[in-house]
Every structure is written in C-alpha cells, then in structure tokens.
Amino acid sequence: MSNDEITLAAGDAEVVLAPGNGGRVTSLRIGGTELLRQGERFGCFPMVPWCGRIRDGRFRDGGAVHQMPLNAPPHAIHGTARDAAWRVARADRTEAVLTCDLAAPWPHTGHVTQVVSLGEDALTLTMSVETFASSFPAQLGWHPWFNRSIGGADVRLDFTPAWQEERGEDQLPTGHRVDPKPGPWDDCFGMPDGVDVTLTWPGKLELNITSREEWVVVYDEQPEAVCVEPQTGPPDGLNTLPRLVTPIEPLEASTTWRWRRL
C-alpha cells in the first residue's frame, strides 16, 4: 500500500498519519479544532527502540556496549524509527496498521507494529516490538506535541504522580526519586497504577491520556506546545531498567486519548 498520508475519521474526529515520516500522527482534529502542533518534526511520533535520552549514546547489552548516533549531544534521543519510512500493512476508515523494521544504527533485528484506532471520542495507539533472532533490550512510547493554546485558551495539566525522577544537569535521571515538583518540566514521573494525565483547554476541550505503563515524561518548556509521553521505561532505561524483547515475548504497550467538549 502507499506510504502517502492516511486519513481516519469517526464522528467529528479526524486523524492524519504520515507513514513515510516516522509513522507519526501529524494531525488530530476534533470538530475542526487541531490539537497537535503542526510541522514535520511535530505531531505525535513513536519512540522506539528507546525513549528519551541514552547517556552518551551508549547502552550495555550483555557483554557488548553499543554506540548510537549523538543526535542530541552529548546523548542519543528518541529511538531510530521516527527517522524511518513505515509501511502500511492495512488501513480502513477508522484504523491503520503501520510496520517498520529496526535497522542500522540499531544493532539488533526487530520488527515494530503500530496500530492506530480512532473512535468518535477516543484515539488508541498500540505498539509492539518483536524479534525472531537474538534477544535485546528495548523501550517504546509516544511523543505527542499538543498545542498549548486552542482558541486563546492555554492548556492546564492535571496528574498525580507517585514520584518524580530527579533530573541531573545532564538532563538524565540521577537514580533518585523525589516528591513531584511544580513545572516547567522536562521530567519523568512514576505512576505505578498506570499513566493518567488530563489536559484541559478551558471552555474548549478536555483530553485524558491513559496507559497501563507506569512511566510518563512531561515536557512543557516551549511556548507553543506541551508534551505528555507515555512510555515503557524512564530515560536511559536501556541502561537502568532494560526490558528484554525475546523470540517468545515481544514488548507491547498502548495509550488511549479520550476527549470531551467543555
């Protein structure tokens, strides 16, 4: 199938996908109102096979140390699949399935599948990483850029994390957990009962982001947008909290965004 943009529609909700641009969601419109920041680097992109930064771009895998390109010097950031062209396995009016093979500079053979399902009041993103070769550590997650302002109303973020990962001067977790602090944030939070964050544009729209995963990064240091990123582990998690993908156990996660008008 073509890697051109795909449009999904349900009720007054419309989603646009760009398989050729990192398998990202480029647009989410509710009643004609755009929720995602526009631009080639924005929208919502999948983070895989790692999320956030890897310290110095290096991660240990058994006895080997692998070096990733330093695309956020001095670190590597957000995986490799956002720079790849994804394939369209299937698409209809309300759901699309995109796939991507992990390739160099990633050192392992793996296959990523992302399912994008749109309902009248919710969008669900599901991703899996599988391998039929050697096992490897991996992470996955999503990096949405939500417009800070909709129709003049600035967004409000509401969430109750159990802890905040203390962030060092190198932007990475120090390994210490601290009580959540007020923003602005470029920080990772722990939510052991599952990610649950609500974005409210007063008088316009409420959007609730949930995931069974317990990690979320919140980034709101730019004036144009805020990011709420559910993911399977913390930044530098390939080193500190690796999740293994094996031939019999893929890595899977999902997130649902549910909205209502105000």
Protein backbone atom coordinates (compact mmCIF):
# COMPACT_ATOMS: atom_id res chain seq x y z
CA MET A 1 0.00 0.00 0.00
CA SER A 2 1.03 3.62 -0.45
CA ASN A 3 3.08 5.45 2.17
CA ASP A 4 1.20 8.68 1.43
CA GLU A 5 -0.77 10.30 4.20
CA ILE A 6 -3.70 8.34 5.59
CA THR A 7 -6.82 9.99 6.99
CA LEU A 8 -9.01 8.28 9.58
CA ALA A 9 -12.42 9.65 10.55
CA ALA A 10 -15.05 8.86 13.19
CA GLY A 11 -17.86 11.22 14.13
CA ASP A 12 -16.36 14.72 14.09
CA ALA A 13 -12.85 13.42 14.83
CA GLU A 14 -10.18 13.18 12.14
CA VAL A 15 -6.64 11.82 12.33
CA VAL A 16 -3.92 12.12 9.68
CA LEU A 17 -0.99 9.70 9.62
CA ALA A 18 2.31 10.07 7.77
CA PRO A 19 3.85 6.58 7.44
CA GLY A 20 6.75 7.98 5.41
CA ASN A 21 7.63 10.48 8.15
CA GLY A 22 8.41 8.19 11.05
CA GLY A 23 4.97 6.61 11.31
CA ARG A 24 3.70 9.70 13.08
CA VAL A 25 0.26 11.13 13.69
CA THR A 26 0.50 14.54 12.04
CA SER A 27 -2.96 15.81 12.90
CA LEU A 28 -5.77 15.22 15.39
CA ARG A 29 -8.78 17.42 14.77
CA ILE A 30 -11.90 17.41 16.92
CA GLY A 31 -14.77 19.29 15.28
CA GLY A 32 -12.20 21.01 13.08
CA THR A 33 -10.01 22.06 16.04
CA GLU A 34 -6.38 20.96 15.73
CA LEU A 35 -4.89 19.53 18.92
CA LEU A 36 -1.37 18.72 17.68
CA ARG A 37 1.40 21.16 16.88
CA GLN A 38 1.93 21.23 13.15
CA GLY A 39 5.25 20.74 11.37
CA GLU A 40 7.40 17.95 10.00
CA ARG A 41 9.06 17.25 13.39
CA PHE A 42 5.93 17.52 15.50
CA GLY A 43 2.51 15.85 15.61
CA CYS A 44 2.95 12.62 17.60
CA PHE A 45 5.79 10.26 16.77
CA PRO A 46 6.56 6.76 18.07
CA MET A 47 9.68 6.45 20.21
CA VAL A 48 11.28 3.04 19.57
CA PRO A 49 13.52 1.12 20.26
CA TRP A 50 14.21 3.57 23.10
CA CYS A 51 12.55 6.60 24.70
CA GLY A 52 14.15 9.88 25.67
CA ARG A 53 17.91 10.13 26.05
CA ILE A 54 20.57 7.43 26.26
CA ARG A 55 23.53 8.68 28.29
CA ASP A 56 26.41 9.43 25.89
CA GLY A 57 24.53 7.38 23.28
CA ARG A 58 25.86 4.12 24.77
CA PHE A 59 24.00 1.16 26.19
CA ARG A 60 25.17 -2.17 27.50
CA ASP A 61 23.68 -5.38 26.17
CA GLY A 62 25.18 -8.38 27.92
CA GLY A 63 28.93 -8.10 27.42
CA ALA A 64 28.67 -5.66 24.50
CA VAL A 65 28.45 -1.87 24.55
CA HIS A 66 26.65 -0.30 21.60
CA GLN A 67 27.06 3.31 20.43
CA MET A 68 24.11 5.20 18.95
CA PRO A 69 24.46 8.45 16.98
CA LEU A 70 24.52 11.53 19.23
CA ASN A 71 21.50 13.30 17.76
CA ALA A 72 21.02 15.31 20.97
CA PRO A 73 24.67 15.84 22.01
CA PRO A 74 26.05 14.53 24.25
CA HIS A 75 23.24 11.97 24.17
CA ALA A 76 21.17 9.92 21.72
CA ILE A 77 17.43 10.61 21.85
CA HIS A 78 14.02 9.13 20.97
CA GLY A 79 14.99 5.99 19.04
CA THR A 80 15.54 5.37 15.34
CA ALA A 81 12.07 4.61 13.99
CA ARG A 82 10.94 8.25 13.92
CA ASP A 83 13.51 8.76 11.14
CA ALA A 84 12.32 5.76 9.14
CA ALA A 85 9.66 5.27 6.50
CA TRP A 86 7.00 2.93 7.85
CA ARG A 87 4.93 0.62 5.68
CA VAL A 88 1.14 0.46 5.63
CA ALA A 89 0.03 -3.07 6.36
CA ARG A 90 -3.67 -2.26 6.43
CA ALA A 91 -5.91 0.78 6.54
CA ASP A 92 -9.63 1.46 6.54
CA ARG A 93 -11.80 4.41 7.58
CA THR A 94 -11.12 4.19 11.32
CA GLU A 95 -7.95 2.07 11.76
CA ALA A 96 -4.48 1.75 10.26
CA VAL A 97 -1.66 -0.71 10.89
CA LEU A 98 1.88 0.53 10.24
CA THR A 99 5.07 -1.53 10.37
CA CYS A 100 8.79 -0.80 10.49
CA ASP A 101 11.89 -2.97 10.61
CA LEU A 102 14.59 -1.95 13.06
CA ALA A 103 17.79 -1.32 11.14
CA ALA A 104 21.25 0.24 11.48
CA PRO A 105 22.42 2.04 13.53
CA TRP A 106 20.33 -0.17 15.84
CA PRO A 107 22.40 -3.36 16.26
CA HIS A 108 19.57 -5.90 16.50
CA THR A 109 16.99 -7.38 14.16
CA GLY A 110 13.45 -6.47 15.14
CA HIS A 111 10.03 -5.63 13.77
CA VAL A 112 7.73 -2.87 15.03
CA THR A 113 3.97 -2.75 14.54
CA GLN A 114 1.81 0.27 15.38
CA VAL A 115 -1.98 0.16 15.33
CA VAL A 116 -3.87 3.46 15.23
CA SER A 117 -7.59 3.14 16.07
CA LEU A 118 -9.97 6.10 16.04
CA GLY A 119 -13.38 6.24 17.69
CA GLU A 120 -15.83 9.11 17.99
CA ASP A 121 -14.42 10.17 21.36
CA ALA A 122 -11.04 8.40 21.63
CA LEU A 123 -7.81 7.55 19.83
CA THR A 124 -5.89 4.40 20.80
CA LEU A 125 -2.26 3.83 19.81
CA THR A 126 -0.81 0.35 20.28
CA MET A 127 2.77 -0.64 19.52
CA SER A 128 4.78 -3.84 19.72
CA VAL A 129 8.41 -4.78 19.13
CA GLU A 130 9.19 -8.39 18.24
CA THR A 131 12.21 -10.38 17.16
CA PHE A 132 12.80 -13.80 15.66
CA ALA A 133 16.55 -13.58 16.28
CA SER A 134 18.60 -12.76 19.38
CA SER A 135 17.02 -11.03 22.39
CA PHE A 136 17.70 -7.35 23.05
CA PRO A 137 16.73 -4.55 25.45
CA ALA A 138 14.18 -2.05 24.15
CA GLN A 139 11.69 0.64 25.08
CA LEU A 140 8.71 2.11 23.30
CA GLY A 141 6.47 5.11 23.78
CA TRP A 142 4.85 8.10 22.10
CA HIS A 143 5.88 11.73 21.89
CA PRO A 144 2.85 13.95 21.17
CA TRP A 145 3.20 17.70 20.80
CA PHE A 146 -0.10 19.26 21.90
CA ASN A 147 -0.87 22.86 21.08
CA ARG A 148 -0.53 24.90 24.26
CA SER A 149 -3.33 27.22 23.20
CA ILE A 150 -6.61 26.44 21.45
CA GLY A 151 -8.70 29.45 20.53
CA GLY A 152 -6.85 31.61 23.05
CA ALA A 153 -7.26 29.16 25.94
CA ASP A 154 -3.97 27.85 27.38
CA VAL A 155 -3.91 24.22 28.42
CA ARG A 156 -3.86 23.08 32.06
CA LEU A 157 -2.15 19.82 33.01
CA ASP A 158 -3.55 17.66 35.83
CA PHE A 159 -1.87 14.48 37.07
CA THR A 160 -0.88 12.92 40.38
CA PRO A 161 2.39 11.01 40.05
CA ALA A 162 3.77 8.91 42.89
CA TRP A 163 7.24 10.32 42.31
CA GLN A 164 9.44 12.38 40.02
CA GLU A 165 12.77 11.10 38.74
CA GLU A 166 15.37 13.59 39.95
CA ARG A 167 16.97 15.15 36.87
CA GLY A 168 20.69 15.83 36.79
CA GLU A 169 22.49 18.64 34.98
CA ASP A 170 22.95 16.24 32.05
CA GLN A 171 19.12 16.09 31.69
CA LEU A 172 19.04 12.42 32.73
CA PRO A 173 17.62 10.80 35.86
CA THR A 174 20.14 10.57 38.70
CA GLY A 175 18.58 7.37 40.05
CA HIS A 176 16.91 9.18 42.94
CA ARG A 177 13.15 9.54 43.27
CA VAL A 178 11.83 12.80 44.69
CA ASP A 179 8.46 14.30 45.52
CA PRO A 180 6.85 15.81 42.40
CA LYS A 181 7.84 19.42 41.88
CA PRO A 182 6.00 22.22 40.08
CA GLY A 183 6.85 22.87 36.44
CA PRO A 184 8.02 23.84 33.97
CA TRP A 185 9.13 20.27 33.28
CA ASP A 186 11.32 18.17 31.10
CA ASP A 187 10.95 15.35 33.57
CA CYS A 188 9.98 11.73 34.04
CA PHE A 189 7.29 10.74 36.53
CA GLY A 190 6.25 7.42 38.00
CA MET A 191 2.58 6.39 38.04
CA PRO A 192 2.51 2.77 39.28
CA ASP A 193 -1.24 2.42 38.73
CA GLY A 194 -0.85 3.50 35.10
CA VAL A 195 -0.36 6.77 33.30
CA ASP A 196 -3.32 9.12 33.78
CA VAL A 197 -2.87 12.75 32.70
CA THR A 198 -5.62 15.23 31.80
CA LEU A 199 -5.10 18.23 29.53
CA THR A 200 -7.80 20.87 29.77
CA TRP A 201 -8.18 23.80 27.41
CA PRO A 202 -10.68 25.87 29.47
CA GLY A 203 -14.02 26.30 27.78
CA LYS A 204 -12.89 24.20 24.83
CA LEU A 205 -11.85 20.61 25.37
CA GLU A 206 -10.66 18.06 27.92
CA LEU A 207 -8.29 15.28 26.83
CA ASN A 208 -7.42 12.36 29.12
CA ILE A 209 -4.27 10.34 28.33
CA THR A 210 -4.07 6.88 29.89
CA SER A 211 -1.78 3.89 29.60
CA ARG A 212 -1.16 0.75 31.63
CA GLU A 213 2.53 1.70 31.63
CA GLU A 214 3.82 3.45 34.75
CA TRP A 215 6.19 5.99 33.17
CA VAL A 216 5.39 9.36 31.64
CA VAL A 217 7.63 12.23 30.57
CA VAL A 218 6.10 15.71 30.65
CA TYR A 219 7.76 18.47 28.64
CA ASP A 220 6.32 21.98 28.69
CA GLU A 221 9.33 24.25 28.34
CA GLN A 222 8.35 25.56 24.88
CA PRO A 223 5.77 28.32 24.46
CA GLU A 224 3.97 26.64 21.55
CA ALA A 225 3.30 23.16 22.88
CA VAL A 226 3.23 20.69 25.75
CA CYS A 227 4.21 17.02 25.54
CA VAL A 228 2.82 14.13 27.57
CA GLU A 229 4.76 10.98 26.71
CA PRO A 230 3.63 7.56 27.99
CA GLN A 231 6.48 5.06 27.75
CA THR A 232 7.65 1.66 28.96
CA GLY A 233 10.59 2.95 31.00
CA PRO A 234 12.45 6.06 32.10
CA PRO A 235 15.04 7.99 30.07
CA ASP A 236 18.29 6.00 29.82
CA GLY A 237 16.19 2.95 30.66
CA LEU A 238 18.14 0.74 28.25
CA ASN A 239 20.90 1.01 30.86
CA THR A 240 18.96 1.37 34.11
CA LEU A 241 15.75 -0.62 33.61
CA PRO A 242 16.03 -2.75 30.47
CA ARG A 243 13.00 -4.64 29.14
CA LEU A 244 14.03 -7.60 27.01
CA VAL A 245 12.44 -8.41 23.67
CA THR A 246 12.80 -12.15 23.06
CA PRO A 247 11.60 -14.51 20.31
CA ILE A 248 8.79 -15.66 22.61
CA GLU A 249 8.00 -12.37 24.36
CA PRO A 250 7.53 -9.14 22.41
CA LEU A 251 7.40 -5.73 24.08
CA GLU A 252 3.91 -4.25 23.82
CA ALA A 253 2.21 -1.09 25.08
CA SER A 254 -0.75 1.13 24.30
CA THR A 255 -2.14 4.54 25.13
CA THR A 256 -5.66 5.91 24.81
CA TRP A 257 -6.57 9.56 24.44
CA ARG A 258 -10.21 10.28 25.30
CA TRP A 259 -11.81 13.69 24.86
CA ARG A 260 -14.94 15.63 25.68
CA ARG A 261 -16.18 19.08 24.80
CA LEU A 262 -16.46 21.70 27.52
